[in-house]
N, C-alpha and C. Protein backbone atom coordinates (compact mmCIF):
# COMPACT_ATOMS: atom_id res chain seq x y z
N MET A 1 -40.25 -3.32 -13.43
CA MET A 1 -39.22 -3.03 -12.55
C MET A 1 -39.24 -1.67 -11.94
N ARG A 2 -38.68 -1.63 -10.58
CA ARG A 2 -38.69 -0.37 -9.89
C ARG A 2 -37.96 1.06 -10.91
N PHE A 3 -36.87 0.80 -11.50
CA PHE A 3 -36.27 1.33 -11.92
C PHE A 3 -37.06 1.90 -13.33
N GLN A 4 -38.04 1.44 -13.68
CA GLN A 4 -38.62 1.58 -14.96
C GLN A 4 -39.66 2.68 -14.63
N ARG A 5 -40.45 2.38 -13.21
CA ARG A 5 -41.74 2.90 -12.99
C ARG A 5 -41.23 4.32 -12.40
N SER A 6 -39.99 4.36 -11.70
CA SER A 6 -39.31 5.77 -11.06
C SER A 6 -38.57 6.54 -12.15
N ASP A 7 -38.02 7.76 -11.59
CA ASP A 7 -37.02 8.55 -12.45
C ASP A 7 -35.68 8.56 -11.83
N GLU A 8 -35.71 7.73 -10.86
CA GLU A 8 -34.30 7.51 -10.17
C GLU A 8 -33.45 6.74 -10.57
N LYS A 9 -32.09 7.36 -10.77
CA LYS A 9 -30.73 6.81 -11.93
C LYS A 9 -30.70 5.72 -10.57
N TYR A 10 -29.51 4.60 -11.19
CA TYR A 10 -29.20 3.56 -10.65
C TYR A 10 -27.33 3.63 -11.11
N SER A 11 -26.74 3.27 -10.81
CA SER A 11 -25.35 2.71 -10.90
C SER A 11 -24.99 1.23 -10.69
N LEU A 12 -24.41 0.53 -11.46
CA LEU A 12 -24.21 -0.55 -11.51
C LEU A 12 -22.85 -0.83 -11.52
N LEU A 13 -21.95 -1.46 -10.12
CA LEU A 13 -20.49 -1.78 -10.27
C LEU A 13 -20.02 -3.01 -10.06
N MET A 14 -19.20 -3.29 -10.92
CA MET A 14 -18.75 -4.48 -11.39
C MET A 14 -17.08 -4.31 -10.36
N LEU A 15 -17.22 -5.63 -10.21
CA LEU A 15 -15.77 -6.08 -8.95
C LEU A 15 -15.04 -7.32 -9.30
N ASP A 16 -13.82 -7.16 -9.10
CA ASP A 16 -13.02 -8.50 -9.35
C ASP A 16 -11.82 -8.51 -8.78
N ILE A 17 -11.85 -9.86 -8.15
CA ILE A 17 -10.40 -10.01 -7.07
C ILE A 17 -9.15 -10.34 -8.27
N ASP A 18 -8.13 -9.42 -8.21
CA ASP A 18 -7.30 -9.35 -9.55
C ASP A 18 -6.12 -10.55 -8.73
N HIS A 19 -6.29 -11.37 -9.81
CA HIS A 19 -4.94 -12.73 -9.32
C HIS A 19 -5.50 -13.68 -8.12
N PHE A 20 -6.84 -13.90 -8.35
CA PHE A 20 -7.47 -14.55 -6.95
C PHE A 20 -7.18 -16.24 -7.43
N LYS A 21 -6.57 -16.44 -8.66
CA LYS A 21 -6.05 -17.95 -8.86
C LYS A 21 -4.77 -18.05 -8.13
N VAL A 22 -4.02 -17.14 -7.78
CA VAL A 22 -3.16 -16.77 -7.13
C VAL A 22 -2.91 -17.21 -5.72
N ILE A 23 -4.13 -16.98 -5.23
CA ILE A 23 -4.61 -17.42 -3.66
C ILE A 23 -4.97 -18.63 -3.26
N ASN A 24 -5.63 -18.95 -4.13
CA ASN A 24 -5.72 -20.46 -4.30
C ASN A 24 -5.10 -21.28 -4.31
N ASP A 25 -4.16 -21.31 -5.64
CA ASP A 25 -2.82 -21.90 -5.64
C ASP A 25 -1.93 -22.14 -4.37
N THR A 26 -1.72 -21.13 -4.47
CA THR A 26 -0.70 -20.96 -3.22
C THR A 26 -1.06 -20.91 -1.35
N TYR A 27 -2.58 -21.25 -1.31
CA TYR A 27 -2.88 -21.02 -0.17
C TYR A 27 -4.13 -21.90 -0.26
N GLY A 28 -4.65 -22.33 -1.22
CA GLY A 28 -5.77 -23.30 -1.39
C GLY A 28 -6.65 -22.93 -0.97
N HIS A 29 -8.06 -23.67 -1.38
CA HIS A 29 -9.43 -23.11 -1.75
C HIS A 29 -10.29 -22.64 -0.32
N ALA A 30 -9.30 -23.15 0.59
CA ALA A 30 -10.35 -22.88 2.03
C ALA A 30 -9.81 -21.26 1.97
N VAL A 31 -9.03 -21.09 2.37
CA VAL A 31 -8.23 -19.64 2.17
C VAL A 31 -9.03 -18.78 1.23
N GLY A 32 -9.11 -19.03 -0.03
CA GLY A 32 -9.91 -18.56 -0.95
C GLY A 32 -11.29 -18.05 -0.65
N ASP A 33 -11.72 -19.35 0.16
CA ASP A 33 -12.99 -18.72 0.34
C ASP A 33 -13.46 -17.79 1.02
N GLU A 34 -12.14 -17.73 2.38
CA GLU A 34 -12.65 -16.95 3.41
C GLU A 34 -12.20 -15.23 2.90
N VAL A 35 -11.34 -15.35 1.89
CA VAL A 35 -10.79 -13.89 1.22
C VAL A 35 -12.28 -13.40 0.61
N ILE A 36 -13.17 -14.80 -0.12
CA ILE A 36 -14.10 -13.87 -0.57
C ILE A 36 -15.38 -13.36 0.33
N LYS A 37 -15.45 -14.43 1.47
CA LYS A 37 -16.10 -14.11 2.34
C LYS A 37 -15.73 -12.49 3.15
N SER A 38 -14.90 -12.36 3.56
CA SER A 38 -14.15 -11.33 3.79
C SER A 38 -14.40 -9.87 2.95
N LEU A 39 -14.56 -10.22 1.74
CA LEU A 39 -14.79 -9.09 0.56
C LEU A 39 -16.31 -8.96 0.61
N SER A 40 -17.00 -9.66 1.00
CA SER A 40 -18.72 -9.64 0.94
C SER A 40 -18.83 -8.71 2.04
N VAL A 41 -18.16 -9.34 3.26
CA VAL A 41 -18.55 -8.39 4.59
C VAL A 41 -17.83 -7.31 4.59
N LEU A 42 -16.83 -6.31 3.92
CA LEU A 42 -16.06 -5.47 3.87
C LEU A 42 -17.46 -4.97 2.64
N CYS A 43 -17.69 -5.11 1.44
CA CYS A 43 -18.51 -4.44 0.87
C CYS A 43 -19.79 -4.29 1.45
N GLN A 44 -20.78 -5.33 2.07
CA GLN A 44 -21.80 -4.79 2.64
C GLN A 44 -21.68 -3.60 3.84
N SER A 45 -20.56 -3.90 4.70
CA SER A 45 -20.40 -2.96 6.12
C SER A 45 -20.24 -1.43 5.46
N ASN A 46 -19.87 -1.00 4.16
CA ASN A 46 -19.30 -0.03 3.56
C ASN A 46 -20.12 0.57 2.55
N ILE A 47 -21.79 -0.14 2.23
CA ILE A 47 -22.75 0.74 1.31
C ILE A 47 -23.99 1.15 2.27
N ARG A 48 -24.84 1.54 1.59
CA ARG A 48 -26.20 2.51 2.15
C ARG A 48 -26.91 1.25 2.38
N LYS A 49 -28.01 1.05 3.17
CA LYS A 49 -28.79 0.21 3.86
C LYS A 49 -30.08 -0.15 2.36
N TYR A 50 -29.97 0.71 1.35
CA TYR A 50 -30.84 0.46 0.25
C TYR A 50 -29.72 -0.17 -0.97
N ASP A 51 -28.85 -0.08 -1.31
CA ASP A 51 -28.10 -0.71 -2.09
C ASP A 51 -27.78 -2.27 -1.71
N ILE A 52 -27.47 -2.97 -2.67
CA ILE A 52 -27.32 -4.13 -3.37
C ILE A 52 -25.97 -4.78 -3.72
N VAL A 53 -25.26 -5.92 -2.71
CA VAL A 53 -24.06 -6.50 -3.10
C VAL A 53 -24.57 -7.60 -3.49
N ALA A 54 -24.15 -8.46 -4.67
CA ALA A 54 -24.09 -9.75 -4.88
C ALA A 54 -22.83 -10.25 -5.47
N ARG A 55 -22.78 -11.54 -5.12
CA ARG A 55 -21.67 -12.48 -5.69
C ARG A 55 -21.88 -12.87 -7.40
N ILE A 56 -21.47 -12.43 -8.41
CA ILE A 56 -21.81 -12.70 -10.01
C ILE A 56 -21.29 -14.63 -9.94
N GLY A 57 -20.14 -15.20 -9.37
CA GLY A 57 -19.51 -16.08 -9.38
C GLY A 57 -17.79 -16.01 -9.24
N GLY A 58 -17.10 -17.24 -8.87
CA GLY A 58 -16.14 -17.17 -8.62
C GLY A 58 -16.02 -15.90 -8.13
N GLU A 59 -14.91 -15.08 -8.46
CA GLU A 59 -14.38 -13.73 -7.74
C GLU A 59 -14.97 -12.33 -8.16
N GLU A 60 -16.06 -12.74 -8.78
CA GLU A 60 -16.74 -11.53 -9.30
C GLU A 60 -18.01 -11.19 -8.75
N PHE A 61 -18.12 -9.77 -8.56
CA PHE A 61 -19.21 -9.40 -7.62
C PHE A 61 -19.74 -8.22 -8.14
N CYS A 62 -21.08 -8.00 -8.19
CA CYS A 62 -21.28 -6.31 -8.54
C CYS A 62 -22.10 -5.97 -7.37
N MET A 63 -22.42 -4.46 -7.56
CA MET A 63 -23.35 -3.95 -6.50
C MET A 63 -24.05 -2.82 -7.63
N LEU A 64 -25.26 -2.89 -6.79
CA LEU A 64 -26.69 -2.11 -7.09
C LEU A 64 -26.82 -1.02 -6.74
N LEU A 65 -26.08 0.51 -6.98
CA LEU A 65 -26.80 1.58 -6.04
C LEU A 65 -27.64 2.58 -6.60
N PRO A 66 -28.92 2.40 -6.29
CA PRO A 66 -29.78 3.27 -6.58
C PRO A 66 -29.71 4.54 -5.92
N LEU A 67 -30.21 5.60 -6.47
CA LEU A 67 -29.94 6.99 -6.54
C LEU A 67 -29.38 7.23 -6.74
N THR A 68 -27.98 7.39 -7.55
CA THR A 68 -26.67 7.78 -8.02
C THR A 68 -26.91 7.80 -9.35
N ILE A 69 -25.60 8.50 -9.96
CA ILE A 69 -25.92 9.65 -11.30
C ILE A 69 -24.50 8.58 -11.46
């Protein structure tokens, strides 16, 4: 793996949408899906080109940030 071959520092950020079930229950799953898509776009547009954003499942996301301490 790249981080094992190099001396670079990585950070792993975990994100979770609080009370997401309330959004789904109140507005429906279609709106919940749009919230997830919007958060994905927002995260992607605010990271560096070599950072990675991934949806783990449900309303949980992670970000891998190379070259950070």
